[in-house]
Amino acid sequence: MRRAFLPAIGVCCAVLAGMLAAGCGPLSRTHRDPGNSHEVATGAPSGRADAEITIAGGRVHPPPGWLEVPKGRQVSLTVTSDVADELHVHGYDLVAELRPGVPVTIRFTADLTGVFQVETHGGKLVLIQLAVR
């Protein structure tokens, strides 16, 4: 009976190896989560990393993803929401008030390494994951 499972285990290992080779790790160029597939935004060669995010009807556009930033890079996050809320960059403890229809920009130097969540407090929406290396 156990021998019947060996081909299935081999197939599973091959699929897993293919996924790893394709770069599906959490900080790779393409991040994959169940129900969430998107490309990673990367900082521009100009020395800045910019992201523009819109919240409408409780949905985030573009869908929440990763922004990979080298340590020391300038980051600019612009968020426009259709409802009042509070924007928070975890780890950096940056907070901004969101007013309906008014773009808010948070600018800072990414001087802490790690992965930091950018979210709204009232709506509890994750906007982006900031990965600083």
Protein backbone atom coordinates (compact mmCIF):
# COMPACT_ATOMS: atom_id res chain seq x y z
CA MET A 1 0.00 0.00 0.00
CA ARG A 2 2.81 2.44 0.83
CA ARG A 3 4.41 1.96 -2.59
CA ALA A 4 1.28 3.44 -4.18
CA PHE A 5 2.02 6.77 -2.53
CA LEU A 6 5.61 7.07 -3.83
CA PRO A 7 4.65 8.39 -7.31
CA ALA A 8 2.35 11.00 -5.73
CA ILE A 9 5.13 12.15 -3.41
CA GLY A 10 7.49 12.41 -6.37
CA VAL A 11 5.00 14.56 -8.29
CA CYS A 12 4.50 16.84 -5.27
CA CYS A 13 8.26 17.27 -4.87
CA ALA A 14 8.64 18.08 -8.56
CA VAL A 15 5.87 20.70 -8.40
CA LEU A 16 7.41 22.28 -5.30
CA ALA A 17 10.87 22.34 -6.89
CA GLY A 18 9.40 24.00 -9.99
CA MET A 19 7.68 26.65 -7.90
CA LEU A 20 10.89 27.45 -6.03
CA ALA A 21 12.85 27.61 -9.28
CA ALA A 22 10.23 29.97 -10.72
CA GLY A 23 10.81 32.40 -7.87
CA CYS A 24 7.61 32.17 -5.88
CA GLY A 25 9.20 33.03 -2.54
CA PRO A 26 7.75 35.89 -0.48
CA LEU A 27 10.41 38.44 -1.43
CA SER A 28 11.07 37.30 -4.97
CA ARG A 29 10.21 39.30 -8.08
CA THR A 30 6.73 37.75 -8.15
CA HIS A 31 4.84 37.10 -4.93
CA ARG A 32 2.08 34.53 -4.81
CA ASP A 33 -0.51 34.20 -2.07
CA PRO A 34 -3.70 32.18 -2.19
CA GLY A 35 -6.17 34.48 -3.91
CA ASN A 36 -3.55 37.16 -4.55
CA SER A 37 -1.25 37.24 -7.56
CA HIS A 38 0.63 40.32 -8.61
CA GLU A 39 3.95 41.70 -9.71
CA VAL A 40 6.30 43.39 -7.28
CA ALA A 41 6.78 47.12 -7.59
CA THR A 42 10.44 48.08 -7.39
CA GLY A 43 12.08 51.40 -6.75
CA ALA A 44 13.01 53.57 -9.70
CA PRO A 45 16.70 53.96 -10.57
CA SER A 46 16.40 57.64 -9.61
CA GLY A 47 16.98 56.70 -5.98
CA ARG A 48 13.28 56.88 -5.07
CA ALA A 49 10.58 54.29 -4.67
CA ASP A 50 7.08 55.54 -5.42
CA ALA A 51 3.68 53.90 -5.05
CA GLU A 52 0.26 55.34 -5.81
CA ILE A 53 -2.65 53.54 -4.16
CA THR A 54 -6.40 54.16 -4.39
CA ILE A 55 -9.05 52.89 -1.99
CA ALA A 56 -12.60 52.80 -3.35
CA GLY A 57 -15.57 50.83 -2.12
CA GLY A 58 -13.42 49.01 0.43
CA ARG A 59 -11.06 47.74 -2.28
CA VAL A 60 -7.40 48.59 -2.78
CA HIS A 61 -6.04 49.36 -6.25
CA PRO A 62 -3.62 48.10 -7.31
CA PRO A 63 -4.20 44.98 -5.19
CA PRO A 64 -1.92 44.76 -2.13
CA GLY A 65 1.58 43.71 -3.14
CA TRP A 66 5.24 44.15 -2.28
CA LEU A 67 7.42 47.21 -2.71
CA GLU A 68 11.08 46.15 -2.55
CA VAL A 69 13.40 48.97 -1.53
CA PRO A 70 17.13 49.02 -0.87
CA LYS A 71 18.07 50.44 2.54
CA GLY A 72 18.62 54.19 2.30
CA ARG A 73 16.21 54.71 -0.61
CA GLN A 74 13.66 57.52 -0.49
CA VAL A 75 10.08 56.20 -0.41
CA SER A 76 6.97 58.11 -1.47
CA LEU A 77 3.55 56.56 -0.86
CA THR A 78 0.52 58.44 -2.21
CA VAL A 79 -2.89 57.19 -1.07
CA THR A 80 -6.31 58.43 -2.15
CA SER A 81 -9.34 57.06 -0.28
CA ASP A 82 -13.07 57.49 -0.82
CA VAL A 83 -13.65 57.46 2.96
CA ALA A 84 -12.02 59.10 5.96
CA ASP A 85 -9.44 56.85 7.65
CA GLU A 86 -5.92 56.78 9.05
CA LEU A 87 -2.90 55.62 7.05
CA HIS A 88 -0.12 53.89 9.02
CA VAL A 89 3.36 52.71 7.98
CA HIS A 90 4.29 50.10 10.59
CA GLY A 91 7.86 49.98 11.87
CA TYR A 92 8.44 53.58 10.87
CA ASP A 93 5.40 54.67 12.91
CA LEU A 94 4.30 57.16 10.27
CA VAL A 95 0.65 58.17 10.35
CA ALA A 96 -1.44 60.38 8.06
CA GLU A 97 -5.09 61.34 8.01
CA LEU A 98 -7.02 60.22 4.94
CA ARG A 99 -9.87 62.48 3.83
CA PRO A 100 -12.30 61.41 1.10
CA GLY A 101 -10.96 62.20 -2.37
CA VAL A 102 -7.84 64.01 -1.13
CA PRO A 103 -4.49 62.38 -2.03
CA VAL A 104 -2.09 62.05 0.92
CA THR A 105 1.64 61.48 0.42
CA ILE A 106 4.01 60.08 3.03
CA ARG A 107 7.72 60.50 2.21
CA PHE A 108 10.55 58.95 4.22
CA THR A 109 13.96 57.33 3.98
CA ALA A 110 13.86 53.53 4.23
CA ASP A 111 16.56 53.28 6.89
CA LEU A 112 15.17 50.22 8.74
CA THR A 113 15.51 46.76 7.20
CA GLY A 114 12.69 44.24 7.29
CA VAL A 115 9.15 43.88 6.04
CA PHE A 116 6.70 46.59 7.07
CA GLN A 117 2.97 46.67 6.51
CA VAL A 118 1.25 49.82 5.26
CA GLU A 119 -2.43 49.78 6.19
CA THR A 120 -5.50 51.78 7.09
CA HIS A 121 -6.57 51.64 10.71
CA GLY A 122 -10.31 52.22 10.40
CA GLY A 123 -10.92 49.95 7.43
CA LYS A 124 -8.12 47.54 8.41
CA LEU A 125 -7.01 47.35 4.77
CA VAL A 126 -3.47 46.25 3.91
CA LEU A 127 -2.25 48.57 1.16
CA ILE A 128 1.27 47.31 0.54
CA GLN A 129 4.11 45.36 2.13
CA LEU A 130 7.34 47.37 2.20
CA ALA A 131 10.43 45.12 2.05
CA VAL A 132 13.62 47.01 2.88
CA ARG A 133 16.89 45.17 2.35
